[in-house]
Amino acid sequence: MAKKSAAAAQPVQAPAPQPIVSSSHLVSPRSAEMSEFEFGLIVAGNSFHRWIVHCMSAAGLKDLMPLDVLVLHHVTHRARNKRLADICFIMNVEDTHLINYSLKKLQSLGVVVSSKSGKDVTYACTDAGLEFVVRYREIRESCLIDALNTNDGLNRDIGELARLLRLLSGIYDQAARSAASL
């Protein structure tokens, strides 16, 4: 009977997994995880944008950009009139002209209306806009929420992920302020 070689007796070590990133030149030895997170954020962000556009299109409101859909949802939020500055602040959008452009587009489609109160211009969802938002919610429930097959553990994980994203948005905002001062 042949003897096993010493090399064959040693357990084979799997190579260390390489981080899945979009820009390997940015991977920090101090936090490869951040580069993996950023790649995940890019992919998830693009998937989310594609989803909301298709969902709103299925609801009957076609040819919107992702920001338009998000602005419509925010204007509808809590059925309160919103000022441009408030919409930008809540959505964390620095360029007010982007939100203003979406508001004008939504007004031309008849789903958002503006009104003036003193010096303030406020925006609200119209009845037609509300119908699209309600239909969007129905489609979201059937296509997204049902597909999650949610359970308490998954919902807790999603809640924790939302908390971490809010925390990281603050870190990115602070880093942006630091970079702007260089």
C-alpha atoms as a PDB file:
ATOM      1  CA  MET A   1       0.000   0.000   0.000  1.00  0.00           C
ATOM      2  CA  ALA A   2       1.395   3.406  -0.931  1.00  0.00           C
ATOM      3  CA  LYS A   3       2.094   5.997   1.721  1.00  0.00           C
ATOM      4  CA  LYS A   4       0.228   9.276   1.564  1.00  0.00           C
ATOM      5  CA  SER A   5       2.477  12.219   1.010  1.00  0.00           C
ATOM      6  CA  ALA A   6       2.804  14.835   3.742  1.00  0.00           C
ATOM      7  CA  ALA A   7       1.340  17.480   1.423  1.00  0.00           C
ATOM      8  CA  ALA A   8      -1.746  15.410   0.803  1.00  0.00           C
ATOM      9  CA  ALA A   9      -2.330  15.038   4.530  1.00  0.00           C
ATOM     10  CA  GLN A  10      -2.501  18.803   5.061  1.00  0.00           C
ATOM     11  CA  PRO A  11      -5.963  20.351   4.850  1.00  0.00           C
ATOM     12  CA  VAL A  12      -6.423  22.542   1.804  1.00  0.00           C
ATOM     13  CA  GLN A  13      -7.028  26.149   2.734  1.00  0.00           C
ATOM     14  CA  ALA A  14      -9.525  28.018   0.647  1.00  0.00           C
ATOM     15  CA  PRO A  15      -8.232  31.287  -0.726  1.00  0.00           C
ATOM     16  CA  ALA A  16      -9.447  34.376   1.083  1.00  0.00           C
ATOM     17  CA  PRO A  17     -12.569  35.671  -0.625  1.00  0.00           C
ATOM     18  CA  GLN A  18     -11.979  38.752  -2.708  1.00  0.00           C
ATOM     19  CA  PRO A  19     -14.266  41.669  -1.944  1.00  0.00           C
ATOM     20  CA  ILE A  20     -16.945  42.309  -4.555  1.00  0.00           C
ATOM     21  CA  VAL A  21     -16.350  45.936  -5.490  1.00  0.00           C
ATOM     22  CA  SER A  22     -16.785  48.278  -8.449  1.00  0.00           C
ATOM     23  CA  SER A  23     -13.446  50.061  -7.989  1.00  0.00           C
ATOM     24  CA  SER A  24     -10.629  47.887  -6.670  1.00  0.00           C
ATOM     25  CA  HIS A  25      -8.312  50.897  -6.547  1.00  0.00           C
ATOM     26  CA  LEU A  26     -10.502  52.348  -3.744  1.00  0.00           C
ATOM     27  CA  VAL A  27     -10.406  49.285  -1.477  1.00  0.00           C
ATOM     28  CA  SER A  28      -8.884  50.283   1.842  1.00  0.00           C
ATOM     29  CA  PRO A  29      -7.005  47.698   3.877  1.00  0.00           C
ATOM     30  CA  ARG A  30      -8.714  49.319   6.883  1.00  0.00           C
ATOM     31  CA  SER A  31     -12.231  48.703   5.526  1.00  0.00           C
ATOM     32  CA  ALA A  32     -12.679  46.556   2.442  1.00  0.00           C
ATOM     33  CA  GLU A  33     -16.241  46.200   3.712  1.00  0.00           C
ATOM     34  CA  MET A  34     -16.932  49.867   2.894  1.00  0.00           C
ATOM     35  CA  SER A  35     -16.019  49.254  -0.755  1.00  0.00           C
ATOM     36  CA  GLU A  36     -18.263  46.191  -0.795  1.00  0.00           C
ATOM     37  CA  PHE A  37     -21.054  48.266   0.762  1.00  0.00           C
ATOM     38  CA  GLU A  38     -20.617  51.024  -1.839  1.00  0.00           C
ATOM     39  CA  PHE A  39     -20.842  48.514  -4.687  1.00  0.00           C
ATOM     40  CA  GLY A  40     -23.958  47.012  -3.096  1.00  0.00           C
ATOM     41  CA  LEU A  41     -25.391  50.508  -2.748  1.00  0.00           C
ATOM     42  CA  ILE A  42     -24.750  51.233  -6.438  1.00  0.00           C
ATOM     43  CA  VAL A  43     -26.415  48.016  -7.565  1.00  0.00           C
ATOM     44  CA  ALA A  44     -29.299  48.277  -5.086  1.00  0.00           C
ATOM     45  CA  GLY A  45     -29.825  51.961  -5.884  1.00  0.00           C
ATOM     46  CA  ASN A  46     -30.068  51.271  -9.597  1.00  0.00           C
ATOM     47  CA  SER A  47     -32.421  48.338  -8.977  1.00  0.00           C
ATOM     48  CA  PHE A  48     -34.582  50.471  -6.693  1.00  0.00           C
ATOM     49  CA  HIS A  49     -34.766  53.265  -9.273  1.00  0.00           C
ATOM     50  CA  ARG A  50     -35.699  50.798 -12.012  1.00  0.00           C
ATOM     51  CA  TRP A  51     -38.348  49.278  -9.714  1.00  0.00           C
ATOM     52  CA  ILE A  52     -40.062  52.545  -8.763  1.00  0.00           C
ATOM     53  CA  VAL A  53     -40.202  53.735 -12.381  1.00  0.00           C
ATOM     54  CA  HIS A  54     -41.705  50.435 -13.575  1.00  0.00           C
ATOM     55  CA  CYS A  55     -44.113  50.303 -10.647  1.00  0.00           C
ATOM     56  CA  MET A  56     -45.369  53.836 -11.313  1.00  0.00           C
ATOM     57  CA  SER A  57     -45.616  53.069 -15.025  1.00  0.00           C
ATOM     58  CA  ALA A  58     -47.716  49.991 -14.199  1.00  0.00           C
ATOM     59  CA  ALA A  59     -49.863  52.269 -12.043  1.00  0.00           C
ATOM     60  CA  GLY A  60     -50.529  54.327 -15.184  1.00  0.00           C
ATOM     61  CA  LEU A  61     -48.099  57.229 -14.841  1.00  0.00           C
ATOM     62  CA  LYS A  62     -45.461  56.678 -17.503  1.00  0.00           C
ATOM     63  CA  ASP A  63     -42.251  58.428 -18.541  1.00  0.00           C
ATOM     64  CA  LEU A  64     -41.185  59.538 -15.074  1.00  0.00           C
ATOM     65  CA  MET A  65     -37.627  59.583 -13.823  1.00  0.00           C
ATOM     66  CA  PRO A  66     -36.871  58.041 -10.415  1.00  0.00           C
ATOM     67  CA  LEU A  67     -36.648  61.457  -8.754  1.00  0.00           C
ATOM     68  CA  ASP A  68     -40.083  62.365 -10.144  1.00  0.00           C
ATOM     69  CA  VAL A  69     -41.612  59.267  -8.538  1.00  0.00           C
ATOM     70  CA  LEU A  70     -39.925  59.992  -5.213  1.00  0.00           C
ATOM     71  CA  VAL A  71     -41.044  63.635  -5.268  1.00  0.00           C
ATOM     72  CA  LEU A  72     -44.639  62.600  -5.971  1.00  0.00           C
ATOM     73  CA  HIS A  73     -44.577  60.184  -3.040  1.00  0.00           C
ATOM     74  CA  HIS A  74     -43.102  62.804  -0.745  1.00  0.00           C
ATOM     75  CA  VAL A  75     -45.586  65.484  -1.792  1.00  0.00           C
ATOM     76  CA  THR A  76     -48.359  62.964  -1.050  1.00  0.00           C
ATOM     77  CA  HIS A  77     -46.841  62.047   2.341  1.00  0.00           C
ATOM     78  CA  ARG A  78     -49.196  62.862   5.238  1.00  0.00           C
ATOM     79  CA  ALA A  79     -51.461  64.911   2.939  1.00  0.00           C
ATOM     80  CA  ARG A  80     -49.733  68.162   3.911  1.00  0.00           C
ATOM     81  CA  ASN A  81     -48.614  70.916   1.582  1.00  0.00           C
ATOM     82  CA  LYS A  82     -44.834  70.999   1.177  1.00  0.00           C
ATOM     83  CA  ARG A  83     -42.417  73.815   0.338  1.00  0.00           C
ATOM     84  CA  LEU A  84     -39.582  73.250  -2.115  1.00  0.00           C
ATOM     85  CA  ALA A  85     -36.985  73.751   0.629  1.00  0.00           C
ATOM     86  CA  ASP A  86     -38.724  71.199   2.862  1.00  0.00           C
ATOM     87  CA  ILE A  87     -38.874  68.610   0.081  1.00  0.00           C
ATOM     88  CA  CYS A  88     -35.160  69.091  -0.627  1.00  0.00           C
ATOM     89  CA  PHE A  89     -34.300  68.870   3.071  1.00  0.00           C
ATOM     90  CA  ILE A  90     -36.264  65.680   3.739  1.00  0.00           C
ATOM     91  CA  MET A  91     -35.042  64.002   0.564  1.00  0.00           C
ATOM     92  CA  ASN A  92     -31.459  65.171   1.241  1.00  0.00           C
ATOM     93  CA  VAL A  93     -31.186  66.764  -2.210  1.00  0.00           C
ATOM     94  CA  GLU A  94     -28.835  69.724  -2.330  1.00  0.00           C
ATOM     95  CA  ASP A  95     -29.695  70.906  -5.859  1.00  0.00           C
ATOM     96  CA  THR A  96     -33.101  72.549  -5.525  1.00  0.00           C
ATOM     97  CA  HIS A  97     -33.395  72.902  -9.298  1.00  0.00           C
ATOM     98  CA  LEU A  98     -33.631  69.090  -9.603  1.00  0.00           C
ATOM     99  CA  ILE A  99     -36.632  68.968  -7.267  1.00  0.00           C
ATOM    100  CA  ASN A 100     -38.116  72.079  -8.867  1.00  0.00           C
ATOM    101  CA  TYR A 101     -37.857  70.455 -12.304  1.00  0.00           C
ATOM    102  CA  SER A 102     -39.660  67.342 -11.016  1.00  0.00           C
ATOM    103  CA  LEU A 103     -42.377  69.479  -9.418  1.00  0.00           C
ATOM    104  CA  LYS A 104     -42.940  71.343 -12.705  1.00  0.00           C
ATOM    105  CA  LYS A 105     -43.099  68.058 -14.602  1.00  0.00           C
ATOM    106  CA  LEU A 106     -45.574  66.606 -12.080  1.00  0.00           C
ATOM    107  CA  GLN A 107     -47.676  69.790 -12.275  1.00  0.00           C
ATOM    108  CA  SER A 108     -47.821  69.538 -16.061  1.00  0.00           C
ATOM    109  CA  LEU A 109     -49.109  65.969 -15.682  1.00  0.00           C
ATOM    110  CA  GLY A 110     -51.824  67.171 -13.308  1.00  0.00           C
ATOM    111  CA  VAL A 111     -50.688  65.084 -10.338  1.00  0.00           C
ATOM    112  CA  VAL A 112     -49.259  67.948  -8.273  1.00  0.00           C
ATOM    113  CA  VAL A 113     -50.619  71.458  -7.775  1.00  0.00           C
ATOM    114  CA  SER A 114     -48.935  74.527  -6.333  1.00  0.00           C
ATOM    115  CA  SER A 115     -50.459  77.269  -4.225  1.00  0.00           C
ATOM    116  CA  LYS A 116     -49.135  80.487  -2.787  1.00  0.00           C
ATOM    117  CA  SER A 117     -49.464  81.406   0.869  1.00  0.00           C
ATOM    118  CA  GLY A 118     -47.799  84.750   1.522  1.00  0.00           C
ATOM    119  CA  LYS A 119     -44.261  84.429   0.212  1.00  0.00           C
ATOM    120  CA  ASP A 120     -44.326  80.635   0.321  1.00  0.00           C
ATOM    121  CA  VAL A 121     -45.209  78.410  -2.610  1.00  0.00           C
ATOM    122  CA  THR A 122     -46.398  75.005  -1.484  1.00  0.00           C
ATOM    123  CA  TYR A 123     -47.107  71.813  -3.365  1.00  0.00           C
ATOM    124  CA  ALA A 124     -49.772  69.178  -2.850  1.00  0.00           C
ATOM    125  CA  CYS A 125     -50.917  66.030  -4.546  1.00  0.00           C
ATOM    126  CA  THR A 126     -54.073  66.297  -6.677  1.00  0.00           C
ATOM    127  CA  ASP A 127     -56.877  63.729  -6.591  1.00  0.00           C
ATOM    128  CA  ALA A 128     -55.536  62.317  -9.862  1.00  0.00           C
ATOM    129  CA  GLY A 129     -52.070  62.073  -8.326  1.00  0.00           C
ATOM    130  CA  LEU A 130     -53.484  60.311  -5.292  1.00  0.00           C
ATOM    131  CA  GLU A 131     -55.145  57.715  -7.536  1.00  0.00           C
ATOM    132  CA  PHE A 132     -51.764  56.894  -9.111  1.00  0.00           C
ATOM    133  CA  VAL A 133     -50.106  56.690  -5.681  1.00  0.00           C
ATOM    134  CA  VAL A 134     -52.832  54.365  -4.369  1.00  0.00           C
ATOM    135  CA  ARG A 135     -52.476  52.135  -7.443  1.00  0.00           C
ATOM    136  CA  TYR A 136     -48.673  52.194  -6.975  1.00  0.00           C
ATOM    137  CA  ARG A 137     -49.149  50.946  -3.418  1.00  0.00           C
ATOM    138  CA  GLU A 138     -51.381  48.086  -4.598  1.00  0.00           C
ATOM    139  CA  ILE A 139     -48.805  47.027  -7.187  1.00  0.00           C
ATOM    140  CA  ARG A 140     -46.021  47.363  -4.603  1.00  0.00           C
ATOM    141  CA  GLU A 141     -47.902  45.053  -2.242  1.00  0.00           C
ATOM    142  CA  SER A 142     -48.467  42.392  -4.898  1.00  0.00           C
ATOM    143  CA  CYS A 143     -45.092  42.546  -6.663  1.00  0.00           C
ATOM    144  CA  LEU A 144     -42.624  43.485  -3.932  1.00  0.00           C
ATOM    145  CA  ILE A 145     -44.012  42.818  -0.481  1.00  0.00           C
ATOM    146  CA  ASP A 146     -45.528  39.467  -1.454  1.00  0.00           C
ATOM    147  CA  ALA A 147     -42.225  38.477  -3.130  1.00  0.00           C
ATOM    148  CA  LEU A 148     -40.342  39.092   0.120  1.00  0.00           C
ATOM    149  CA  ASN A 149     -42.343  36.381   1.889  1.00  0.00           C
ATOM    150  CA  THR A 150     -41.744  38.518   4.921  1.00  0.00           C
ATOM    151  CA  ASN A 151     -41.439  37.103   8.354  1.00  0.00           C
ATOM    152  CA  ASP A 152     -40.558  38.732  11.651  1.00  0.00           C
ATOM    153  CA  GLY A 153     -36.837  37.962  11.322  1.00  0.00           C
ATOM    154  CA  LEU A 154     -36.564  39.389   7.822  1.00  0.00           C
ATOM    155  CA  ASN A 155     -38.548  42.471   8.827  1.00  0.00           C
ATOM    156  CA  ARG A 156     -36.182  43.011  11.780  1.00  0.00           C
ATOM    157  CA  ASP A 157     -33.191  42.695   9.431  1.00  0.00           C
ATOM    158  CA  ILE A 158     -34.714  45.198   7.008  1.00  0.00           C
ATOM    159  CA  GLY A 159     -35.373  47.586   9.901  1.00  0.00           C
ATOM    160  CA  GLU A 160     -31.764  47.246  11.065  1.00  0.00           C
ATOM    161  CA  LEU A 161     -30.524  47.818   7.521  1.00  0.00           C
ATOM    162  CA  ALA A 162     -32.646  51.001   7.318  1.00  0.00           C
ATOM    163  CA  ARG A 163     -31.101  52.204  10.596  1.00  0.00           C
ATOM    164  CA  LEU A 164     -27.584  51.517   9.302  1.00  0.00           C
ATOM    165  CA  LEU A 165     -28.310  53.336   6.025  1.00  0.00           C
ATOM    166  CA  ARG A 166     -29.468  56.422   7.941  1.00  0.00           C
ATOM    167  CA  LEU A 167     -26.315  56.260  10.069  1.00  0.00           C
ATOM    168  CA  LEU A 168     -24.098  55.904   7.001  1.00  0.00           C
ATOM    169  CA  SER A 169     -25.862  58.773   5.230  1.00  0.00           C
ATOM    170  CA  GLY A 170     -24.788  60.999   8.110  1.00  0.00           C
ATOM    171  CA  ILE A 171     -21.213  59.749   7.822  1.00  0.00           C
ATOM    172  CA  TYR A 172     -21.206  60.370   4.055  1.00  0.00           C
ATOM    173  CA  ASP A 173     -22.677  63.866   4.573  1.00  0.00           C
ATOM    174  CA  GLN A 174     -19.945  64.700   7.073  1.00  0.00           C
ATOM    175  CA  ALA A 175     -17.275  63.304   4.738  1.00  0.00           C
ATOM    176  CA  ALA A 176     -18.715  65.422   1.895  1.00  0.00           C
ATOM    177  CA  ARG A 177     -18.473  68.552   4.046  1.00  0.00           C
ATOM    178  CA  SER A 178     -14.879  67.665   4.901  1.00  0.00           C
ATOM    179  CA  ALA A 179     -13.996  67.064   1.251  1.00  0.00           C
ATOM    180  CA  ALA A 180     -15.651  70.350   0.232  1.00  0.00           C
ATOM    181  CA  SER A 181     -13.393  72.223   2.624  1.00  0.00           C
ATOM    182  CA  LEU A 182     -10.160  70.813   1.156  1.00  0.00           C
END
